[in-house]
């Protein structure tokens, strides 16, 4: 499995509703699985870092660029 395949697989796991975007609530649900103490501020900061177009959600392209 290549890096882009892994990124797509990970993105699809986080994008629970399958709309092609990761929202703050979807990201929070995924992070809480591994770190129940993650804060909303942490999630907002991650969204802001990865969200190139400022729409408050992360597209696959933004995600792939962010995790690269």
N, C-alpha and C. Protein backbone atom coordinates (compact mmCIF):
# COMPACT_ATOMS: atom_id res chain seq x y z
N UNK A 1 0.85 -1.18 0.00
CA UNK A 1 0.00 0.00 0.00
C UNK A 1 0.89 1.23 0.00
N UNK A 2 0.66 2.12 -0.95
CA UNK A 2 1.44 3.35 -1.04
C UNK A 2 0.98 4.39 -0.04
N UNK A 3 1.75 5.44 0.09
CA UNK A 3 1.43 6.51 1.03
C UNK A 3 0.09 7.16 0.70
N UNK A 4 -0.18 7.35 -0.59
CA UNK A 4 -1.45 7.98 -0.96
C UNK A 4 -2.64 7.05 -0.68
N UNK A 5 -2.43 5.74 -0.83
CA UNK A 5 -3.49 4.78 -0.49
C UNK A 5 -3.78 4.81 1.00
N UNK A 6 -2.74 4.88 1.81
CA UNK A 6 -2.89 4.93 3.27
C UNK A 6 -3.59 6.23 3.67
N UNK A 7 -3.20 7.34 3.05
CA UNK A 7 -3.84 8.62 3.35
C UNK A 7 -5.33 8.56 3.01
N UNK A 8 -5.67 7.97 1.87
CA UNK A 8 -7.08 7.86 1.46
C UNK A 8 -7.85 6.98 2.43
N UNK A 9 -7.24 5.87 2.82
CA UNK A 9 -7.90 4.96 3.76
C UNK A 9 -8.14 5.65 5.10
N UNK A 10 -7.13 6.34 5.61
CA UNK A 10 -7.27 7.06 6.89
C UNK A 10 -8.33 8.16 6.78
N UNK A 11 -8.30 8.89 5.68
CA UNK A 11 -9.28 9.96 5.46
C UNK A 11 -10.70 9.39 5.49
N UNK A 12 -10.90 8.30 4.78
CA UNK A 12 -12.23 7.70 4.71
C UNK A 12 -12.74 7.21 6.06
N UNK A 13 -11.82 6.75 6.92
CA UNK A 13 -12.20 6.33 8.28
C UNK A 13 -12.70 7.53 9.08
N UNK A 14 -12.00 8.65 8.96
CA UNK A 14 -12.36 9.84 9.73
C UNK A 14 -13.63 10.50 9.17
N UNK A 15 -13.79 10.48 7.86
CA UNK A 15 -14.95 11.08 7.19
C UNK A 15 -16.16 10.16 7.33
N UNK A 16 -16.71 10.12 8.52
CA UNK A 16 -17.75 9.17 8.87
C UNK A 16 -18.98 9.29 7.98
N UNK A 17 -19.39 10.51 7.68
CA UNK A 17 -20.61 10.66 6.88
C UNK A 17 -20.37 10.53 5.37
N UNK A 18 -19.12 10.40 4.98
CA UNK A 18 -18.79 10.14 3.58
C UNK A 18 -19.04 11.30 2.63
N UNK A 19 -19.08 12.53 3.17
CA UNK A 19 -19.36 13.68 2.30
C UNK A 19 -18.11 14.25 1.61
N UNK A 20 -16.96 13.64 1.88
CA UNK A 20 -15.73 14.10 1.24
C UNK A 20 -14.97 15.15 2.01
N UNK A 21 -15.42 15.43 3.23
CA UNK A 21 -14.77 16.42 4.08
C UNK A 21 -14.69 15.90 5.51
N UNK A 22 -13.63 16.29 6.19
CA UNK A 22 -13.50 16.01 7.62
C UNK A 22 -13.89 17.28 8.36
N UNK A 23 -14.87 17.15 9.22
CA UNK A 23 -15.31 18.29 10.04
C UNK A 23 -14.66 18.18 11.42
N UNK A 24 -14.80 19.24 12.19
CA UNK A 24 -14.24 19.25 13.54
C UNK A 24 -14.85 18.13 14.38
N UNK A 25 -16.14 17.89 14.26
CA UNK A 25 -16.77 16.84 15.07
C UNK A 25 -16.28 15.45 14.67
N UNK A 26 -16.08 15.22 13.38
CA UNK A 26 -15.56 13.93 12.93
C UNK A 26 -14.12 13.74 13.42
N UNK A 27 -13.33 14.79 13.35
CA UNK A 27 -11.95 14.71 13.80
C UNK A 27 -11.89 14.48 15.30
N UNK A 28 -12.74 15.15 16.05
CA UNK A 28 -12.79 14.97 17.50
C UNK A 28 -13.13 13.53 17.85
N UNK A 29 -14.12 12.95 17.18
CA UNK A 29 -14.50 11.56 17.46
C UNK A 29 -13.33 10.61 17.24
N UNK A 30 -12.56 10.83 16.19
CA UNK A 30 -11.41 9.97 15.90
C UNK A 30 -10.30 10.16 16.94
N UNK A 31 -10.02 11.39 17.30
CA UNK A 31 -8.96 11.66 18.27
C UNK A 31 -9.30 11.13 19.65
N UNK A 32 -10.56 11.22 20.05
CA UNK A 32 -10.99 10.77 21.38
C UNK A 32 -10.76 9.27 21.55
N UNK A 33 -10.80 8.51 20.44
CA UNK A 33 -10.55 7.07 20.52
C UNK A 33 -9.18 6.78 21.13
N UNK A 34 -8.20 7.59 20.78
CA UNK A 34 -6.82 7.37 21.23
C UNK A 34 -6.40 8.29 22.37
N UNK A 35 -7.08 9.41 22.52
CA UNK A 35 -6.71 10.36 23.55
C UNK A 35 -7.97 11.05 24.07
N UNK A 36 -8.61 10.48 25.09
CA UNK A 36 -9.87 11.03 25.58
C UNK A 36 -9.75 12.45 26.14
N UNK A 37 -8.54 12.90 26.39
CA UNK A 37 -8.34 14.23 26.96
C UNK A 37 -8.12 15.32 25.91
N UNK A 38 -8.23 14.97 24.63
CA UNK A 38 -8.03 15.96 23.58
C UNK A 38 -9.09 17.06 23.74
N UNK A 39 -8.67 18.29 23.55
CA UNK A 39 -9.59 19.41 23.75
C UNK A 39 -10.16 19.91 22.42
N UNK A 40 -11.25 20.62 22.53
CA UNK A 40 -11.84 21.26 21.35
C UNK A 40 -10.83 22.22 20.72
N UNK A 41 -10.06 22.91 21.56
CA UNK A 41 -9.05 23.85 21.05
C UNK A 41 -8.01 23.13 20.20
N UNK A 42 -7.62 21.92 20.60
CA UNK A 42 -6.67 21.15 19.80
C UNK A 42 -7.26 20.83 18.43
N UNK A 43 -8.51 20.45 18.40
CA UNK A 43 -9.18 20.10 17.15
C UNK A 43 -9.29 21.33 16.25
N UNK A 44 -9.68 22.45 16.82
CA UNK A 44 -9.79 23.69 16.06
C UNK A 44 -8.44 24.07 15.46
N UNK A 45 -7.37 23.91 16.24
CA UNK A 45 -6.03 24.24 15.76
C UNK A 45 -5.63 23.34 14.59
N UNK A 46 -5.95 22.06 14.67
CA UNK A 46 -5.63 21.14 13.57
C UNK A 46 -6.42 21.51 12.32
N UNK A 47 -7.69 21.78 12.49
CA UNK A 47 -8.52 22.19 11.34
C UNK A 47 -7.92 23.44 10.70
N UNK A 48 -7.56 24.42 11.50
CA UNK A 48 -7.00 25.66 10.96
C UNK A 48 -5.69 25.42 10.23
N UNK A 49 -4.85 24.52 10.73
CA UNK A 49 -3.57 24.24 10.09
C UNK A 49 -3.76 23.54 8.75
N UNK A 50 -4.73 22.65 8.66
CA UNK A 50 -4.91 21.84 7.46
C UNK A 50 -5.85 22.47 6.43
N UNK A 51 -6.69 23.37 6.87
CA UNK A 51 -7.75 23.94 6.03
C UNK A 51 -7.22 25.10 5.18
N UNK A 52 -6.77 24.78 3.98
CA UNK A 52 -6.19 25.80 3.10
C UNK A 52 -7.19 26.81 2.57
N UNK A 53 -8.44 26.39 2.35
CA UNK A 53 -9.40 27.32 1.74
C UNK A 53 -10.32 28.02 2.74
N UNK A 54 -10.13 27.75 4.05
CA UNK A 54 -10.86 28.47 5.08
C UNK A 54 -12.32 28.11 5.24
N UNK A 55 -12.74 26.92 4.77
CA UNK A 55 -14.15 26.56 4.88
C UNK A 55 -14.48 25.77 6.15
N UNK A 56 -13.52 25.70 7.07
CA UNK A 56 -13.70 25.04 8.37
C UNK A 56 -13.89 23.53 8.29
N UNK A 57 -13.41 22.95 7.21
CA UNK A 57 -13.42 21.50 7.05
C UNK A 57 -12.23 21.12 6.18
N UNK A 58 -11.88 19.84 6.22
CA UNK A 58 -10.68 19.39 5.51
C UNK A 58 -11.08 18.46 4.37
N UNK A 59 -10.73 18.85 3.16
CA UNK A 59 -10.97 18.00 1.99
C UNK A 59 -9.88 16.93 1.95
N UNK A 60 -10.06 15.95 1.09
CA UNK A 60 -9.03 14.92 0.96
C UNK A 60 -7.70 15.53 0.52
N UNK A 61 -7.74 16.45 -0.42
CA UNK A 61 -6.51 17.08 -0.91
C UNK A 61 -5.78 17.81 0.22
N UNK A 62 -6.53 18.52 1.04
CA UNK A 62 -5.93 19.22 2.18
C UNK A 62 -5.36 18.21 3.18
N UNK A 63 -6.10 17.14 3.41
CA UNK A 63 -5.65 16.11 4.34
C UNK A 63 -4.35 15.46 3.86
N UNK A 64 -4.31 15.07 2.59
CA UNK A 64 -3.13 14.42 2.04
C UNK A 64 -1.91 15.33 2.12
N UNK A 65 -2.11 16.60 1.86
CA UNK A 65 -1.01 17.57 1.95
C UNK A 65 -0.57 17.72 3.41
N UNK A 66 -1.52 17.75 4.33
CA UNK A 66 -1.23 17.96 5.75
C UNK A 66 -0.47 16.78 6.36
N UNK A 67 -0.82 15.57 6.00
CA UNK A 67 -0.19 14.39 6.62
C UNK A 67 1.07 13.95 5.89
N UNK A 68 1.38 14.59 4.79
CA UNK A 68 2.56 14.24 4.00
C UNK A 68 3.86 14.51 4.71
